[in-house]
């Protein structure tokens, strides 16, 4: 019996020592500083979607950022029991902080505060131009669903909605590996939100049947001028023409109707060629927007300036000359366009 008790005591001492050393090694590993890795570009470590804590720990070790991945994995497994909170390492690209411990790095990977990239949907760009721009952004992941605007709307669950004008013009931040489809979904949701906000605050008695027609008008305004101060007045001209039953006669819609064959010059024959977008040959608004817009153009369409002007012509410096009569407008065309 004495020998057994002695053996049991020795086993307990060895086990306690092993546990003590294990705990010491665990705490030392978690409090040790991460190492800069020559394998990383710009000191960025990427957690891919679907990676577990174990996979993340092994990848950190493989890139010589930490030395003992098993302790990091054990730390992740213990957290729900110690804190009562589930552990979720967020995918993304993380900039490794200087002089950070392994434990601090683990906490960072749970925050989702990954490095952000940006992309701008430019006001006045068509949806095809928007999609093309996304394909050129190396921080985004290209998908087959975003091959063309029509397939995008189907992927967004709106196959019957024309894709033109459906992406709000703004600058968006996103983590690396965001798909182009996710980006476009966000831009579309933002468009829906802003349009609804502005529609609810619109002026009374506007000649639009619904917010979609207001979006069409906003796209025409967006293409007509980049000068913020002019947008409400241009909106006022078009609204006045609609109320009087006059055709809009705006060149950007004609150009949109010409499509890919447009060579940079608009001719008299183009103005006479009938398409659904030719506002010289057809009354009212075109069937869809002709570009993507920002909030200012939407706001202008819904809050047009009260003006007596019915015409405007480019002065060649980005601004326009506004006229009340056709005679005055023709004189302005001769002065600013024909240089007579």
Protein backbone atom coordinates (compact mmCIF):
# COMPACT_ATOMS: atom_id res chain seq x y z
CA UNK A 1 0.00 0.00 0.00
CA UNK A 2 2.85 2.38 0.87
CA UNK A 3 4.46 1.79 -2.51
CA UNK A 4 1.14 2.47 -4.27
CA UNK A 5 0.64 5.70 -2.36
CA UNK A 6 4.17 6.75 -3.18
CA UNK A 7 3.60 5.96 -6.85
CA UNK A 8 0.30 7.85 -6.81
CA UNK A 9 1.96 10.84 -5.18
CA UNK A 10 4.72 10.85 -7.78
CA UNK A 11 2.13 10.69 -10.59
CA UNK A 12 0.22 13.59 -9.09
CA UNK A 13 3.41 15.64 -8.79
CA UNK A 14 4.37 14.86 -12.39
CA UNK A 15 0.86 15.68 -13.63
CA UNK A 16 0.81 18.94 -11.68
CA UNK A 17 4.20 19.83 -13.04
CA UNK A 18 3.10 19.00 -16.56
CA UNK A 19 -0.06 21.06 -16.16
CA UNK A 20 1.92 23.89 -14.67
CA UNK A 21 4.45 23.81 -17.48
CA UNK A 22 1.65 23.53 -20.05
CA UNK A 23 -0.14 26.55 -18.61
CA UNK A 24 3.14 28.47 -18.47
CA UNK A 25 3.92 27.56 -22.07
CA UNK A 26 0.35 28.48 -23.12
CA UNK A 27 0.50 31.89 -21.46
CA UNK A 28 3.99 32.52 -22.79
CA UNK A 29 2.85 31.69 -26.31
CA UNK A 30 -0.21 33.94 -26.09
CA UNK A 31 1.77 36.83 -24.59
CA UNK A 32 4.64 36.52 -27.03
CA UNK A 33 4.91 39.12 -29.77
CA UNK A 34 3.99 38.25 -33.31
CA UNK A 35 6.80 38.36 -35.84
CA UNK A 36 6.85 40.34 -39.08
CA UNK A 37 6.84 37.95 -41.99
CA UNK A 38 8.83 38.50 -45.16
CA UNK A 39 6.20 36.39 -46.92
CA UNK A 40 3.52 39.02 -46.36
CA UNK A 41 3.00 41.92 -48.72
CA UNK A 42 2.55 45.23 -46.89
CA UNK A 43 2.34 43.25 -43.61
CA UNK A 44 -1.18 42.07 -44.50
CA UNK A 45 -2.52 38.69 -43.43
CA UNK A 46 -5.61 37.36 -45.22
CA UNK A 47 -8.23 35.19 -43.53
CA UNK A 48 -10.16 33.46 -46.29
CA UNK A 49 -13.93 32.91 -46.04
CA UNK A 50 -14.72 29.67 -44.23
CA UNK A 51 -11.40 29.38 -42.37
CA UNK A 52 -11.69 27.86 -38.89
CA UNK A 53 -9.63 28.96 -35.91
CA UNK A 54 -7.41 25.91 -36.43
CA UNK A 55 -6.84 26.69 -40.11
CA UNK A 56 -6.11 30.33 -39.28
CA UNK A 57 -3.62 29.38 -36.57
CA UNK A 58 -1.81 26.96 -38.89
CA UNK A 59 -1.63 29.58 -41.64
CA UNK A 60 -0.17 32.11 -39.21
CA UNK A 61 2.48 29.58 -38.23
CA UNK A 62 3.17 28.65 -41.85
CA UNK A 63 3.97 32.29 -42.57
CA UNK A 64 6.22 32.51 -39.46
CA UNK A 65 3.98 35.05 -37.72
CA UNK A 66 3.45 32.83 -34.66
CA UNK A 67 5.41 29.82 -33.41
CA UNK A 68 2.92 27.58 -31.58
CA UNK A 69 -0.39 27.42 -33.45
CA UNK A 70 -1.82 24.71 -31.18
CA UNK A 71 -1.98 27.16 -28.28
CA UNK A 72 -3.84 29.73 -30.38
CA UNK A 73 -6.31 27.06 -31.44
CA UNK A 74 -6.77 25.93 -27.83
CA UNK A 75 -7.27 29.57 -26.81
CA UNK A 76 -10.06 29.87 -29.37
CA UNK A 77 -11.68 26.65 -28.10
CA UNK A 78 -11.55 27.86 -24.48
CA UNK A 79 -13.07 31.30 -25.09
CA UNK A 80 -16.76 30.25 -25.15
CA UNK A 81 -16.28 28.50 -21.78
CA UNK A 82 -14.34 31.38 -20.22
CA UNK A 83 -16.33 34.33 -21.56
CA UNK A 84 -19.66 32.79 -22.52
CA UNK A 85 -19.28 34.21 -26.03
CA UNK A 86 -18.89 32.25 -29.22
CA UNK A 87 -15.66 32.72 -31.13
CA UNK A 88 -15.96 33.85 -34.73
CA UNK A 89 -12.88 34.75 -36.71
CA UNK A 90 -13.95 37.12 -39.49
CA UNK A 91 -12.64 36.73 -43.00
CA UNK A 92 -10.77 39.65 -44.47
CA UNK A 93 -7.34 41.16 -44.90
CA UNK A 94 -5.76 42.34 -41.67
CA UNK A 95 -2.87 44.74 -41.24
CA UNK A 96 -0.68 43.20 -38.56
CA UNK A 97 0.01 45.74 -35.81
CA UNK A 98 3.54 46.31 -34.59
CA UNK A 99 4.42 44.98 -31.14
CA UNK A 100 1.16 43.04 -30.84
CA UNK A 101 0.91 39.84 -28.85
CA UNK A 102 -0.61 36.66 -30.24
CA UNK A 103 -3.60 37.19 -27.94
CA UNK A 104 -4.09 40.72 -29.24
CA UNK A 105 -3.87 39.43 -32.81
CA UNK A 106 -6.55 36.85 -32.00
CA UNK A 107 -8.81 39.61 -30.67
CA UNK A 108 -8.21 41.64 -33.84
CA UNK A 109 -9.25 38.73 -36.04
CA UNK A 110 -12.57 38.57 -34.19
CA UNK A 111 -13.43 42.24 -34.70
CA UNK A 112 -13.73 42.08 -38.48
CA UNK A 113 -11.78 45.34 -38.68
CA UNK A 114 -9.98 44.27 -41.81
CA UNK A 115 -8.25 46.53 -44.29
CA UNK A 116 -10.76 48.37 -46.44
CA UNK A 117 -10.51 49.21 -50.11
CA UNK A 118 -12.64 51.69 -52.02
CA UNK A 119 -14.33 51.94 -55.39
CA UNK A 120 -16.37 54.79 -56.81
CA UNK A 121 -19.47 54.48 -58.96
CA UNK A 122 -19.15 57.67 -60.99
CA UNK A 123 -22.16 59.92 -61.53
CA UNK A 124 -23.34 59.71 -65.11
CA UNK A 125 -21.72 56.34 -65.85
CA UNK A 126 -23.90 53.75 -67.54
CA UNK A 127 -24.30 50.40 -65.86
CA UNK A 128 -22.02 48.78 -68.43
CA UNK A 129 -19.32 51.31 -67.53
CA UNK A 130 -19.88 50.56 -63.85
CA UNK A 131 -19.48 46.79 -64.39
CA UNK A 132 -16.39 47.36 -66.50
CA UNK A 133 -14.86 49.49 -63.77
CA UNK A 134 -15.44 46.78 -61.19
CA UNK A 135 -13.67 44.24 -63.40
CA UNK A 136 -10.60 46.49 -63.38
CA UNK A 137 -10.50 46.70 -59.58
CA UNK A 138 -8.04 44.03 -58.42
CA UNK A 139 -9.39 44.18 -54.85
CA UNK A 140 -12.74 42.79 -55.97
CA UNK A 141 -13.48 39.21 -56.97
CA UNK A 142 -15.05 38.86 -60.41
CA UNK A 143 -18.01 36.49 -60.78
CA UNK A 144 -19.84 35.09 -63.78
CA UNK A 145 -23.11 36.53 -62.44
CA UNK A 146 -21.76 40.04 -63.06
CA UNK A 147 -20.80 39.33 -66.65
CA UNK A 148 -23.36 41.81 -67.92
CA UNK A 149 -25.91 44.18 -66.32
CA UNK A 150 -28.93 42.09 -67.32
CA UNK A 151 -27.63 38.97 -65.58
CA UNK A 152 -26.82 41.09 -62.53
CA UNK A 153 -30.44 42.11 -62.06
CA UNK A 154 -31.48 38.47 -62.34
CA UNK A 155 -28.91 37.57 -59.68
CA UNK A 156 -30.30 40.36 -57.47
CA UNK A 157 -33.75 38.81 -57.74
CA UNK A 158 -35.16 41.48 -60.06
CA UNK A 159 -34.94 39.94 -63.55
CA UNK A 160 -37.66 42.19 -64.97
CA UNK A 161 -35.98 45.43 -63.90
CA UNK A 162 -33.84 47.18 -66.52
CA UNK A 163 -30.29 47.47 -65.13
CA UNK A 164 -29.67 51.03 -66.24
CA UNK A 165 -29.58 53.55 -63.41
CA UNK A 166 -29.90 50.92 -60.68
CA UNK A 167 -26.59 51.55 -58.91
CA UNK A 168 -26.20 54.60 -56.69
CA UNK A 169 -23.24 56.80 -57.59
CA UNK A 170 -21.01 57.01 -54.52
CA UNK A 171 -17.73 55.79 -53.05
CA UNK A 172 -17.94 52.45 -51.24
CA UNK A 173 -15.54 50.77 -48.82
CA UNK A 174 -15.17 46.99 -48.75
CA UNK A 175 -12.74 44.27 -47.65
CA UNK A 176 -10.67 42.33 -50.16
CA UNK A 177 -12.37 39.34 -51.75
CA UNK A 178 -15.73 41.09 -51.82
CA UNK A 179 -17.41 39.93 -55.03
CA UNK A 180 -18.48 42.35 -57.72
CA UNK A 181 -22.03 41.03 -57.30
CA UNK A 182 -22.02 41.83 -53.57
CA UNK A 183 -20.72 45.30 -54.39
CA UNK A 184 -23.49 45.88 -56.95
CA UNK A 185 -26.13 44.54 -54.60
CA UNK A 186 -25.03 47.10 -52.03
CA UNK A 187 -25.01 49.92 -54.60
CA UNK A 188 -28.51 48.93 -55.75
CA UNK A 189 -29.85 48.79 -52.20
CA UNK A 190 -28.41 52.24 -51.60
CA UNK A 191 -30.13 53.55 -54.74
CA UNK A 192 -33.47 52.15 -53.58
CA UNK A 193 -33.00 53.71 -50.14
CA UNK A 194 -32.01 57.18 -51.35
CA UNK A 195 -34.69 57.29 -54.04
CA UNK A 196 -37.37 56.41 -51.50
CA UNK A 197 -36.07 59.01 -49.03
CA UNK A 198 -36.13 61.74 -51.66
CA UNK A 199 -39.47 60.63 -53.12
CA UNK A 200 -41.14 60.98 -49.74
CA UNK A 201 -39.97 64.62 -49.53
CA UNK A 202 -40.77 65.58 -53.15
CA UNK A 203 -42.45 68.81 -54.23
CA UNK A 204 -46.19 68.55 -54.88
CA UNK A 205 -47.77 68.30 -58.33
CA UNK A 206 -44.77 66.90 -60.18
CA UNK A 207 -45.46 65.29 -63.59
CA UNK A 208 -44.12 61.87 -62.53
CA UNK A 209 -46.33 58.81 -62.10
CA UNK A 210 -43.90 57.18 -59.68
CA UNK A 211 -40.37 57.31 -58.28
CA UNK A 212 -39.00 55.36 -61.26
CA UNK A 213 -39.97 58.20 -63.59
CA UNK A 214 -38.24 60.59 -61.20
CA UNK A 215 -35.13 58.41 -61.47
CA UNK A 216 -35.33 58.61 -65.26
CA UNK A 217 -35.46 62.40 -65.04
CA UNK A 218 -32.56 62.41 -62.57
CA UNK A 219 -30.44 60.42 -65.03
CA UNK A 220 -31.12 62.97 -67.79
CA UNK A 221 -30.17 65.82 -65.44
CA UNK A 222 -27.01 63.93 -64.47
CA UNK A 223 -25.95 63.64 -68.11
CA UNK A 224 -26.84 67.23 -68.96
CA UNK A 225 -24.64 68.95 -66.36
CA UNK A 226 -21.96 68.30 -63.78
CA UNK A 227 -22.53 71.77 -62.25
CA UNK A 228 -24.45 71.31 -59.01
CA UNK A 229 -26.00 74.77 -59.04
CA UNK A 230 -27.53 74.16 -62.49
CA UNK A 231 -29.27 70.88 -61.76
CA UNK A 232 -32.46 72.32 -60.20
CA UNK A 233 -32.84 74.80 -63.07
CA UNK A 234 -32.35 72.14 -65.74
CA UNK A 235 -34.90 70.03 -63.88
CA UNK A 236 -37.21 73.06 -63.93
CA UNK A 237 -36.87 73.40 -67.71
CA UNK A 238 -37.71 69.74 -68.32
CA UNK A 239 -40.62 69.75 -65.87
CA UNK A 240 -42.02 72.88 -67.53
CA UNK A 241 -41.76 71.26 -70.96
CA UNK A 242 -43.54 68.14 -69.71
CA UNK A 243 -46.35 70.22 -68.23
CA UNK A 244 -46.79 72.08 -71.51
CA UNK A 245 -46.79 68.85 -73.52
CA UNK A 246 -43.50 69.76 -75.22
CA UNK A 247 -40.93 67.11 -76.09
CA UNK A 248 -37.84 67.06 -73.90
CA UNK A 249 -35.46 67.21 -76.89
CA UNK A 250 -32.38 66.30 -74.88
CA UNK A 251 -29.29 65.02 -76.68
CA UNK A 252 -28.08 62.55 -73.98
CA UNK A 253 -31.16 60.38 -74.49
CA UNK A 254 -30.57 60.33 -78.24
CA UNK A 255 -26.95 59.32 -77.66
CA UNK A 256 -28.02 56.55 -75.31
CA UNK A 257 -30.43 55.27 -77.96
CA UNK A 258 -27.67 55.21 -80.58
CA UNK A 259 -25.72 52.84 -78.34
CA UNK A 260 -22.28 51.49 -79.20
CA UNK A 261 -22.36 52.99 -82.68
CA UNK A 262 -22.15 56.52 -81.26
CA UNK A 263 -18.83 58.00 -82.45
CA UNK A 264 -18.75 61.17 -80.37
CA UNK A 265 -20.70 63.32 -82.82
CA UNK A 266 -24.45 63.81 -82.88
CA UNK A 267 -25.87 64.64 -86.30
CA UNK A 268 -29.20 65.90 -87.58
CA UNK A 269 -29.88 62.43 -88.92
CA UNK A 270 -29.41 61.08 -85.38
CA UNK A 271 -32.00 63.52 -84.08
CA UNK A 272 -34.46 62.31 -86.73
CA UNK A 273 -33.77 58.59 -86.28
CA UNK A 274 -36.52 57.21 -84.08
CA UNK A 275 -35.57 55.04 -81.10
CA UNK A 276 -37.36 54.55 -77.76
CA UNK A 277 -34.84 57.01 -76.30
CA UNK A 278 -35.11 59.75 -78.94
CA UNK A 279 -36.84 62.59 -77.09
CA UNK A 280 -36.89 64.63 -80.31
CA UNK A 281 -39.19 62.13 -82.04
CA UNK A 282 -41.11 60.91 -78.98
CA UNK A 283 -42.94 62.73 -76.22
CA UNK A 284 -42.50 62.20 -72.50
CA UNK A 285 -39.70 60.43 -70.72
CA UNK A 286 -37.60 57.62 -72.23
CA UNK A 287 -38.49 54.11 -71.03
CA UNK A 288 -35.57 53.73 -68.59
CA UNK A 289 -32.84 55.83 -66.98
CA UNK A 290 -29.85 56.52 -69.19
CA UNK A 291 -27.16 56.56 -66.47
CA UNK A 292 -26.50 56.03 -62.79
CA UNK A 293 -27.01 59.01 -60.52
CA UNK A 294 -26.14 60.52 -57.17
CA UNK A 295 -28.38 62.15 -54.59
CA UNK A 296 -28.05 65.67 -56.04
CA UNK A 297 -29.60 64.71 -59.37
CA UNK A 298 -32.44 62.84 -57.65
CA UNK A 299 -33.05 65.79 -55.37
CA UNK A 300 -33.09 68.19 -58.32
CA UNK A 301 -35.60 66.03 -60.22
CA UNK A 302 -37.92 66.12 -57.20
CA UNK A 303 -37.34 69.78 -56.35
CA UNK A 304 -37.13 71.55 -59.73
CA UNK A 305 -36.53 75.28 -59.81
CA UNK A 306 -39.55 77.38 -60.65
CA UNK A 307 -38.32 78.90 -63.90
CA UNK A 308 -39.83 80.42 -67.02
CA UNK A 309 -36.96 79.07 -69.13
CA UNK A 310 -37.88 76.39 -71.64
CA UNK A 311 -34.53 75.97 -73.38
CA UNK A 312 -30.84 75.79 -72.55
CA UNK A 313 -27.64 75.39 -74.53
CA UNK A 314 -24.09 74.60 -73.49
CA UNK A 315 -21.77 77.60 -73.35
CA UNK A 316 -18.74 75.38 -73.84
CA UNK A 317 -17.35 75.91 -70.34
CA UNK A 318 -19.48 73.36 -68.54
CA UNK A 319 -22.33 75.79 -67.86
CA UNK A 320 -25.48 76.57 -69.86
CA UNK A 321 -27.36 79.56 -71.21
CA UNK A 322 -31.09 79.44 -70.44
CA UNK A 323 -33.75 80.95 -72.68
CA UNK A 324 -37.49 81.58 -72.39
CA UNK A 325 -38.27 81.66 -76.11
CA UNK A 326 -37.24 79.67 -79.14
CA UNK A 327 -35.91 82.83 -80.79
CA UNK A 328 -33.64 83.57 -77.84
CA UNK A 329 -32.54 79.94 -77.76
CA UNK A 330 -31.64 79.93 -81.47
CA UNK A 331 -29.59 83.07 -80.95
CA UNK A 332 -27.76 81.39 -78.08
CA UNK A 333 -27.11 78.31 -80.23
CA UNK A 334 -25.56 80.51 -82.91
CA UNK A 335 -23.43 82.31 -80.32
CA UNK A 336 -22.20 79.39 -78.26
CA UNK A 337 -22.44 76.38 -80.57
CA UNK A 338 -21.99 77.77 -84.06
CA UNK A 339 -19.70 80.63 -82.91
CA UNK A 340 -21.51 83.12 -85.10
